[in-house]
Full PDB file with SEQRES, HELIX, SHEET, SSBOND, CRYST1, ORIGX, SCALE, CONECT and MASTER records, all heavy atoms in Angstrom:
SEQRES   1 A   34  VAL VAL TYR MET GLY ALA ALA ASN ILE ALA GLU ILE SER          
SEQRES   2 A   34  GLU ARG LEU ILE ALA HIS ASP MET PRO ALA ALA THR PRO          
SEQRES   3 A   34  VAL LEU VAL ILE ALA ASN ALA THR                              
HELIX    1 AA1 ALA A    6  ASN A    8  5                                   3    
HELIX    2 AA2 ILE A    9  ALA A   18  1                                  10    
CRYST1    1.000    1.000    1.000  90.00  90.00  90.00 P 1           1          
ORIGX1      1.000000  0.000000  0.000000        0.00000                         
ORIGX2      0.000000  1.000000  0.000000        0.00000                         
ORIGX3      0.000000  0.000000  1.000000        0.00000                         
SCALE1      1.000000  0.000000  0.000000        0.00000                         
SCALE2      0.000000  1.000000  0.000000        0.00000                         
SCALE3      0.000000  0.000000  1.000000        0.00000                         
ATOM      1  N   VAL A   1     -80.834 -37.010   3.044  1.00  0.00           N  
ATOM      2  CA  VAL A   1     -81.958 -37.130   2.116  1.00  0.00           C  
ATOM      3  C   VAL A   1     -82.547 -38.526   2.293  1.00  0.00           C  
ATOM      4  O   VAL A   1     -81.855 -39.528   2.106  1.00  0.00           O  
ATOM      5  CB  VAL A   1     -81.510 -36.927   0.657  1.00  0.00           C  
ATOM      6  CG1 VAL A   1     -82.706 -37.047  -0.278  1.00  0.00           C  
ATOM      7  CG2 VAL A   1     -80.817 -35.574   0.488  1.00  0.00           C  
ATOM      8  N   VAL A   2     -83.815 -38.588   2.659  1.00  0.00           N  
ATOM      9  CA  VAL A   2     -84.474 -39.870   2.908  1.00  0.00           C  
ATOM     10  C   VAL A   2     -85.469 -40.153   1.791  1.00  0.00           C  
ATOM     11  O   VAL A   2     -86.429 -39.408   1.592  1.00  0.00           O  
ATOM     12  CB  VAL A   2     -85.199 -39.874   4.268  1.00  0.00           C  
ATOM     13  CG1 VAL A   2     -85.845 -41.244   4.502  1.00  0.00           C  
ATOM     14  CG2 VAL A   2     -84.225 -39.543   5.398  1.00  0.00           C  
ATOM     15  N   TYR A   3     -85.206 -41.225   1.063  1.00  0.00           N  
ATOM     16  CA  TYR A   3     -86.115 -41.713   0.028  1.00  0.00           C  
ATOM     17  C   TYR A   3     -87.061 -42.738   0.655  1.00  0.00           C  
ATOM     18  O   TYR A   3     -86.680 -43.481   1.555  1.00  0.00           O  
ATOM     19  CB  TYR A   3     -85.337 -42.415  -1.083  1.00  0.00           C  
ATOM     20  CG  TYR A   3     -84.517 -41.539  -1.989  1.00  0.00           C  
ATOM     21  CD1 TYR A   3     -83.359 -40.904  -1.536  1.00  0.00           C  
ATOM     22  CD2 TYR A   3     -84.866 -41.356  -3.328  1.00  0.00           C  
ATOM     23  CE1 TYR A   3     -82.583 -40.114  -2.379  1.00  0.00           C  
ATOM     24  CE2 TYR A   3     -84.098 -40.568  -4.182  1.00  0.00           C  
ATOM     25  CZ  TYR A   3     -82.967 -39.960  -3.699  1.00  0.00           C  
ATOM     26  OH  TYR A   3     -82.205 -39.177  -4.546  1.00  0.00           O  
ATOM     27  N   MET A   4     -88.282 -42.794   0.147  1.00  0.00           N  
ATOM     28  CA  MET A   4     -89.238 -43.851   0.524  1.00  0.00           C  
ATOM     29  C   MET A   4     -89.407 -43.958   2.034  1.00  0.00           C  
ATOM     30  O   MET A   4     -89.500 -45.047   2.587  1.00  0.00           O  
ATOM     31  CB  MET A   4     -88.785 -45.201  -0.056  1.00  0.00           C  
ATOM     32  CG  MET A   4     -88.674 -45.214  -1.563  1.00  0.00           C  
ATOM     33  SD  MET A   4     -87.936 -46.729  -2.233  1.00  0.00           S  
ATOM     34  CE  MET A   4     -86.207 -46.503  -1.784  1.00  0.00           C  
ATOM     35  N   GLY A   5     -89.475 -42.817   2.707  1.00  0.00           N  
ATOM     36  CA  GLY A   5     -89.527 -42.830   4.164  1.00  0.00           C  
ATOM     37  C   GLY A   5     -90.843 -42.429   4.785  1.00  0.00           C  
ATOM     38  O   GLY A   5     -90.950 -42.350   6.012  1.00  0.00           O  
ATOM     39  N   ALA A   6     -91.870 -42.188   3.980  1.00  0.00           N  
ATOM     40  CA  ALA A   6     -93.124 -41.673   4.529  1.00  0.00           C  
ATOM     41  C   ALA A   6     -93.736 -42.601   5.572  1.00  0.00           C  
ATOM     42  O   ALA A   6     -94.208 -42.149   6.617  1.00  0.00           O  
ATOM     43  CB  ALA A   6     -94.121 -41.407   3.403  1.00  0.00           C  
ATOM     44  N   ALA A   7     -93.734 -43.891   5.308  1.00  0.00           N  
ATOM     45  CA  ALA A   7     -94.376 -44.830   6.229  1.00  0.00           C  
ATOM     46  C   ALA A   7     -93.613 -44.985   7.532  1.00  0.00           C  
ATOM     47  O   ALA A   7     -94.198 -45.353   8.561  1.00  0.00           O  
ATOM     48  CB  ALA A   7     -94.535 -46.198   5.553  1.00  0.00           C  
ATOM     49  N   ASN A   8     -92.310 -44.688   7.506  1.00  0.00           N  
ATOM     50  CA  ASN A   8     -91.469 -44.920   8.681  1.00  0.00           C  
ATOM     51  C   ASN A   8     -90.870 -43.652   9.266  1.00  0.00           C  
ATOM     52  O   ASN A   8     -89.924 -43.720  10.044  1.00  0.00           O  
ATOM     53  CB  ASN A   8     -90.322 -45.884   8.310  1.00  0.00           C  
ATOM     54  CG  ASN A   8     -90.816 -47.258   7.942  1.00  0.00           C  
ATOM     55  OD1 ASN A   8     -91.669 -47.827   8.617  1.00  0.00           O  
ATOM     56  ND2 ASN A   8     -90.296 -47.811   6.855  1.00  0.00           N  
ATOM     57  N   ILE A   9     -91.414 -42.484   8.915  1.00  0.00           N  
ATOM     58  CA  ILE A   9     -90.780 -41.244   9.340  1.00  0.00           C  
ATOM     59  C   ILE A   9     -90.785 -41.079  10.853  1.00  0.00           C  
ATOM     60  O   ILE A   9     -89.860 -40.464  11.412  1.00  0.00           O  
ATOM     61  CB  ILE A   9     -91.429 -40.019   8.643  1.00  0.00           C  
ATOM     62  CG1 ILE A   9     -90.570 -38.774   8.869  1.00  0.00           C  
ATOM     63  CG2 ILE A   9     -92.852 -39.841   9.098  1.00  0.00           C  
ATOM     64  CD1 ILE A   9     -89.148 -38.891   8.372  1.00  0.00           C  
ATOM     65  N   ALA A  10     -91.769 -41.609  11.550  1.00  0.00           N  
ATOM     66  CA  ALA A  10     -91.772 -41.507  13.015  1.00  0.00           C  
ATOM     67  C   ALA A  10     -90.559 -42.227  13.596  1.00  0.00           C  
ATOM     68  O   ALA A  10     -89.836 -41.682  14.446  1.00  0.00           O  
ATOM     69  CB  ALA A  10     -93.068 -42.088  13.579  1.00  0.00           C  
ATOM     70  N   GLU A  11     -90.322 -43.445  13.141  1.00  0.00           N  
ATOM     71  CA  GLU A  11     -89.167 -44.207  13.628  1.00  0.00           C  
ATOM     72  C   GLU A  11     -87.856 -43.554  13.211  1.00  0.00           C  
ATOM     73  O   GLU A  11     -86.900 -43.489  13.993  1.00  0.00           O  
ATOM     74  CB  GLU A  11     -89.231 -45.635  13.090  1.00  0.00           C  
ATOM     75  CG  GLU A  11     -88.080 -46.515  13.557  1.00  0.00           C  
ATOM     76  CD  GLU A  11     -88.150 -47.926  12.996  1.00  0.00           C  
ATOM     77  OE1 GLU A  11     -89.137 -48.246  12.303  1.00  0.00           O  
ATOM     78  OE2 GLU A  11     -87.196 -48.704  13.239  1.00  0.00           O  
ATOM     79  N   ILE A  12     -87.798 -43.056  11.985  1.00  0.00           N  
ATOM     80  CA  ILE A  12     -86.575 -42.424  11.494  1.00  0.00           C  
ATOM     81  C   ILE A  12     -86.238 -41.198  12.337  1.00  0.00           C  
ATOM     82  O   ILE A  12     -85.091 -41.023  12.780  1.00  0.00           O  
ATOM     83  CB  ILE A  12     -86.745 -42.027  10.014  1.00  0.00           C  
ATOM     84  CG1 ILE A  12     -86.826 -43.282   9.138  1.00  0.00           C  
ATOM     85  CG2 ILE A  12     -85.586 -41.134   9.555  1.00  0.00           C  
ATOM     86  CD1 ILE A  12     -87.288 -43.008   7.727  1.00  0.00           C  
ATOM     87  N   SER A  13     -87.212 -40.334  12.578  1.00  0.00           N  
ATOM     88  CA  SER A  13     -86.949 -39.124  13.358  1.00  0.00           C  
ATOM     89  C   SER A  13     -86.557 -39.462  14.795  1.00  0.00           C  
ATOM     90  O   SER A  13     -85.651 -38.841  15.364  1.00  0.00           O  
ATOM     91  CB  SER A  13     -88.172 -38.206  13.337  1.00  0.00           C  
ATOM     92  OG  SER A  13     -89.321 -38.850  13.850  1.00  0.00           O  
ATOM     93  N   GLU A  14     -87.207 -40.453  15.388  1.00  0.00           N  
ATOM     94  CA  GLU A  14     -86.866 -40.854  16.757  1.00  0.00           C  
ATOM     95  C   GLU A  14     -85.428 -41.347  16.851  1.00  0.00           C  
ATOM     96  O   GLU A  14     -84.699 -41.004  17.789  1.00  0.00           O  
ATOM     97  CB  GLU A  14     -87.828 -41.947  17.228  1.00  0.00           C  
ATOM     98  CG  GLU A  14     -89.237 -41.453  17.498  1.00  0.00           C  
ATOM     99  CD  GLU A  14     -90.197 -42.588  17.778  1.00  0.00           C  
ATOM    100  OE1 GLU A  14     -89.744 -43.769  17.771  1.00  0.00           O  
ATOM    101  OE2 GLU A  14     -91.404 -42.317  17.981  1.00  0.00           O  
ATOM    102  N   ARG A  15     -85.002 -42.134  15.874  1.00  0.00           N  
ATOM    103  CA  ARG A  15     -83.639 -42.674  15.920  1.00  0.00           C  
ATOM    104  C   ARG A  15     -82.603 -41.581  15.686  1.00  0.00           C  
ATOM    105  O   ARG A  15     -81.532 -41.587  16.293  1.00  0.00           O  
ATOM    106  CB  ARG A  15     -83.483 -43.788  14.890  1.00  0.00           C  
ATOM    107  CG  ARG A  15     -84.307 -45.015  15.203  1.00  0.00           C  
ATOM    108  CD  ARG A  15     -83.747 -46.232  14.498  1.00  0.00           C  
ATOM    109  NE  ARG A  15     -84.666 -47.345  14.521  1.00  0.00           N  
ATOM    110  CZ  ARG A  15     -84.384 -48.546  14.019  1.00  0.00           C  
ATOM    111  NH1 ARG A  15     -83.211 -48.749  13.431  1.00  0.00           N  
ATOM    112  NH2 ARG A  15     -85.259 -49.527  14.068  1.00  0.00           N  
ATOM    113  N   LEU A  16     -82.899 -40.639  14.796  1.00  0.00           N  
ATOM    114  CA  LEU A  16     -81.955 -39.554  14.561  1.00  0.00           C  
ATOM    115  C   LEU A  16     -81.791 -38.699  15.814  1.00  0.00           C  
ATOM    116  O   LEU A  16     -80.673 -38.304  16.170  1.00  0.00           O  
ATOM    117  CB  LEU A  16     -82.428 -38.698  13.388  1.00  0.00           C  
ATOM    118  CG  LEU A  16     -82.359 -39.360  12.014  1.00  0.00           C  
ATOM    119  CD1 LEU A  16     -83.007 -38.464  10.954  1.00  0.00           C  
ATOM    120  CD2 LEU A  16     -80.914 -39.672  11.619  1.00  0.00           C  
ATOM    121  N   ILE A  17     -82.893 -38.418  16.487  1.00  0.00           N  
ATOM    122  CA  ILE A  17     -82.814 -37.656  17.731  1.00  0.00           C  
ATOM    123  C   ILE A  17     -82.057 -38.448  18.792  1.00  0.00           C  
ATOM    124  O   ILE A  17     -81.254 -37.892  19.558  1.00  0.00           O  
ATOM    125  CB  ILE A  17     -84.227 -37.275  18.215  1.00  0.00           C  
ATOM    126  CG1 ILE A  17     -84.852 -36.253  17.251  1.00  0.00           C  
ATOM    127  CG2 ILE A  17     -84.195 -36.714  19.636  1.00  0.00           C  
ATOM    128  CD1 ILE A  17     -86.314 -35.959  17.522  1.00  0.00           C  
ATOM    129  N   ALA A  18     -82.272 -39.761  18.836  1.00  0.00           N  
ATOM    130  CA  ALA A  18     -81.545 -40.607  19.785  1.00  0.00           C  
ATOM    131  C   ALA A  18     -80.048 -40.592  19.527  1.00  0.00           C  
ATOM    132  O   ALA A  18     -79.239 -40.778  20.454  1.00  0.00           O  
ATOM    133  CB  ALA A  18     -82.076 -42.037  19.719  1.00  0.00           C  
ATOM    134  N   HIS A  19     -79.657 -40.359  18.277  1.00  0.00           N  
ATOM    135  CA  HIS A  19     -78.231 -40.263  17.920  1.00  0.00           C  
ATOM    136  C   HIS A  19     -77.735 -38.821  17.981  1.00  0.00           C  
ATOM    137  O   HIS A  19     -76.716 -38.476  17.391  1.00  0.00           O  
ATOM    138  CB  HIS A  19     -78.003 -40.835  16.516  1.00  0.00           C  
ATOM    139  CG  HIS A  19     -78.060 -42.333  16.456  1.00  0.00           C  
ATOM    140  ND1 HIS A  19     -77.374 -43.157  17.325  1.00  0.00           N  
ATOM    141  CD2 HIS A  19     -78.735 -43.167  15.614  1.00  0.00           C  
ATOM    142  CE1 HIS A  19     -77.611 -44.415  17.023  1.00  0.00           C  
ATOM    143  NE2 HIS A  19     -78.433 -44.458  16.002  1.00  0.00           N  
ATOM    144  N   ASP A  20     -78.472 -37.980  18.702  1.00  0.00           N  
ATOM    145  CA  ASP A  20     -78.066 -36.604  19.021  1.00  0.00           C  
ATOM    146  C   ASP A  20     -78.233 -35.607  17.887  1.00  0.00           C  
ATOM    147  O   ASP A  20     -77.636 -34.525  17.925  1.00  0.00           O  
ATOM    148  CB  ASP A  20     -76.611 -36.557  19.529  1.00  0.00           C  
ATOM    149  CG  ASP A  20     -76.436 -37.324  20.833  1.00  0.00           C  
ATOM    150  OD1 ASP A  20     -77.372 -37.287  21.660  1.00  0.00           O  
ATOM    151  OD2 ASP A  20     -75.376 -37.956  21.017  1.00  0.00           O  
ATOM    152  N   MET A  21     -79.042 -35.917  16.877  1.00  0.00           N  
ATOM    153  CA  MET A  21     -79.406 -34.863  15.942  1.00  0.00           C  
ATOM    154  C   MET A  21     -80.398 -33.953  16.663  1.00  0.00           C  
ATOM    155  O   MET A  21     -81.363 -34.442  17.249  1.00  0.00           O  
ATOM    156  CB  MET A  21     -80.035 -35.435  14.669  1.00  0.00           C  
ATOM    157  CG  MET A  21     -80.434 -34.351  13.662  1.00  0.00           C  
ATOM    158  SD  MET A  21     -81.071 -35.011  12.080  1.00  0.00           S  
ATOM    159  CE  MET A  21     -79.528 -35.366  11.213  1.00  0.00           C  
ATOM    160  N   PRO A  22     -80.187 -32.640  16.658  1.00  0.00           N  
ATOM    161  CA  PRO A  22     -81.082 -31.741  17.386  1.00  0.00           C  
ATOM    162  C   PRO A  22     -82.533 -31.894  16.967  1.00  0.00           C  
ATOM    163  O   PRO A  22     -82.851 -32.003  15.778  1.00  0.00           O  
ATOM    164  CB  PRO A  22     -80.541 -30.353  17.028  1.00  0.00           C  
ATOM    165  CG  PRO A  22     -79.096 -30.587  16.700  1.00  0.00           C  
ATOM    166  CD  PRO A  22     -79.045 -31.932  16.041  1.00  0.00           C  
ATOM    167  N   ALA A  23     -83.423 -31.893  17.957  1.00  0.00           N  
ATOM    168  CA  ALA A  23     -84.850 -32.050  17.667  1.00  0.00           C  
ATOM    169  C   ALA A  23     -85.383 -30.904  16.824  1.00  0.00           C  
ATOM    170  O   ALA A  23     -86.382 -31.055  16.117  1.00  0.00           O  
ATOM    171  CB  ALA A  23     -85.632 -32.145  18.976  1.00  0.00           C  
ATOM    172  N   ALA A  24     -84.703 -29.753  16.880  1.00  0.00           N  
ATOM    173  CA  ALA A  24     -85.153 -28.583  16.121  1.00  0.00           C  
ATOM    174  C   ALA A  24     -84.595 -28.550  14.704  1.00  0.00           C  
ATOM    175  O   ALA A  24     -84.804 -27.573  13.982  1.00  0.00           O  
ATOM    176  CB  ALA A  24     -84.749 -27.307  16.857  1.00  0.00           C  
ATOM    177  N   THR A  25     -83.893 -29.606  14.272  1.00  0.00           N  
ATOM    178  CA  THR A  25     -83.354 -29.653  12.914  1.00  0.00           C  
ATOM    179  C   THR A  25     -84.484 -29.481  11.899  1.00  0.00           C  
ATOM    180  O   THR A  25     -85.489 -30.196  11.952  1.00  0.00           O  
ATOM    181  CB  THR A  25     -82.637 -30.990  12.659  1.00  0.00           C  
ATOM    182  OG1 THR A  25     -81.568 -31.129  13.582  1.00  0.00           O  
ATOM    183  CG2 THR A  25     -82.086 -31.049  11.234  1.00  0.00           C  
ATOM    184  N   PRO A  26     -84.340 -28.535  10.968  1.00  0.00           N  
ATOM    185  CA  PRO A  26     -85.430 -28.306  10.007  1.00  0.00           C  
ATOM    186  C   PRO A  26     -85.551 -29.444   8.997  1.00  0.00           C  
ATOM    187  O   PRO A  26     -84.560 -30.074   8.617  1.00  0.00           O  
ATOM    188  CB  PRO A  26     -85.036 -26.994   9.331  1.00  0.00           C  
ATOM    189  CG  PRO A  26     -83.567 -26.886   9.502  1.00  0.00           C  
ATOM    190  CD  PRO A  26     -83.238 -27.563  10.799  1.00  0.00           C  
ATOM    191  N   VAL A  27     -86.776 -29.675   8.562  1.00  0.00           N  
ATOM    192  CA  VAL A  27     -87.086 -30.735   7.589  1.00  0.00           C  
ATOM    193  C   VAL A  27     -87.967 -30.133   6.502  1.00  0.00           C  
ATOM    194  O   VAL A  27     -88.922 -29.410   6.792  1.00  0.00           O  
ATOM    195  CB  VAL A  27     -87.824 -31.912   8.250  1.00  0.00           C  
ATOM    196  CG1 VAL A  27     -88.123 -33.002   7.218  1.00  0.00           C  
ATOM    197  CG2 VAL A  27     -87.022 -32.474   9.413  1.00  0.00           C  
ATOM    198  N   LEU A  28     -87.636 -30.439   5.275  1.00  0.00           N  
ATOM    199  CA  LEU A  28     -88.486 -30.067   4.141  1.00  0.00           C  
ATOM    200  C   LEU A  28     -88.940 -31.348   3.459  1.00  0.00           C  
ATOM    201  O   LEU A  28     -88.110 -32.197   3.104  1.00  0.00           O  
ATOM    202  CB  LEU A  28     -87.731 -29.181   3.148  1.00  0.00           C  
ATOM    203  CG  LEU A  28     -88.487 -28.777   1.872  1.00  0.00           C  
ATOM    204  CD1 LEU A  28     -89.751 -27.996   2.202  1.00  0.00           C  
ATOM    205  CD2 LEU A  28     -87.578 -27.959   0.949  1.00  0.00           C  
ATOM    206  N   VAL A  29     -90.233 -31.501   3.284  1.00  0.00           N  
ATOM    207  CA  VAL A  29     -90.810 -32.668   2.619  1.00  0.00           C  
ATOM    208  C   VAL A  29     -91.342 -32.227   1.265  1.00  0.00           C  
ATOM    209  O   VAL A  29     -92.029 -31.212   1.175  1.00  0.00           O  
ATOM    210  CB  VAL A  29     -91.948 -33.278   3.452  1.00  0.00           C  
ATOM    211  CG1 VAL A  29     -92.401 -34.600   2.842  1.00  0.00           C  
ATOM    212  CG2 VAL A  29     -91.543 -33.454   4.900  1.00  0.00           C  
ATOM    213  N   ILE A  30     -91.005 -32.991   0.231  1.00  0.00           N  
ATOM    214  CA  ILE A  30     -91.494 -32.690  -1.112  1.00  0.00           C  
ATOM    215  C   ILE A  30     -92.170 -33.939  -1.661  1.00  0.00           C  
ATOM    216  O   ILE A  30     -91.551 -34.994  -1.757  1.00  0.00           O  
ATOM    217  CB  ILE A  30     -90.366 -32.250  -2.060  1.00  0.00           C  
ATOM    218  CG1 ILE A  30     -89.529 -31.140  -1.437  1.00  0.00           C  
ATOM    219  CG2 ILE A  30     -90.942 -31.765  -3.388  1.00  0.00           C  
ATOM    220  CD1 ILE A  30     -88.284 -31.632  -0.743  1.00  0.00           C  
ATOM    221  N   ALA A  31     -93.427 -33.818  -1.994  1.00  0.00           N  
ATOM    222  CA  ALA A  31     -94.175 -34.916  -2.616  1.00  0.00           C  
ATOM    223  C   ALA A  31     -94.358 -34.607  -4.089  1.00  0.00           C  
ATOM    224  O   ALA A  31     -94.663 -33.475  -4.468  1.00  0.00           O  
ATOM    225  CB  ALA A  31     -95.532 -35.080  -1.944  1.00  0.00           C  
ATOM    226  N   ASN A  32     -94.142 -35.610  -4.930  1.00  0.00           N  
ATOM    227  CA  ASN A  32     -94.306 -35.450  -6.386  1.00  0.00           C  
ATOM    228  C   ASN A  32     -93.464 -34.289  -6.921  1.00  0.00           C  
ATOM    229  O   ASN A  32     -93.945 -33.450  -7.689  1.00  0.00           O  
ATOM    230  CB  ASN A  32     -95.776 -35.231  -6.741  1.00  0.00           C  
ATOM    231  CG  ASN A  32     -96.645 -36.421  -6.423  1.00  0.00           C  
ATOM    232  OD1 ASN A  32     -96.506 -37.482  -7.017  1.00  0.00           O  
ATOM    233  ND2 ASN A  32     -97.540 -36.262  -5.455  1.00  0.00           N  
ATOM    234  N   ALA A  33     -92.222 -34.237  -6.507  1.00  0.00           N  
ATOM    235  CA  ALA A  33     -91.341 -33.129  -6.878  1.00  0.00           C  
ATOM    236  C   ALA A  33     -91.257 -32.943  -8.383  1.00  0.00           C  
ATOM    237  O   ALA A  33     -91.192 -33.911  -9.143  1.00  0.00           O  
ATOM    238  CB  ALA A  33     -89.937 -33.359  -6.312  1.00  0.00           C  
ATOM    239  N   THR A  34     -91.289 -31.692  -8.812  1.00  0.00           N  
ATOM    240  CA  THR A  34     -91.124 -31.230 -10.197  1.00  0.00           C  
ATOM    241  C   THR A  34     -92.339 -31.513 -11.080  1.00  0.00           C  
ATOM    242  O   THR A  34     -92.273 -31.304 -12.280  1.00  0.00           O  
ATOM    243  CB  THR A  34     -89.868 -31.798 -10.883  1.00  0.00           C  
ATOM    244  OG1 THR A  34     -90.091 -33.149 -11.304  1.00  0.00           O  
ATOM    245  CG2 THR A  34     -88.634 -31.723  -9.987  1.00  0.00           C  
TER     246      THR A  34                                                      
MASTER        0    0    0    2    0    0    0    6  245    1    0    3          
END                                                                             
C-alpha cells in the first residue's frame, strides 16, 4: 500500500519491477476514498 505516491509513481513502479515484482502485477488506485 503506497501512501502519497502520485508524484513519484513512475519511479516507484520502475524500482519494484527492478526488484523482480512482475510487470503484470495488478494495481488499484483510489482517489478521495470513501
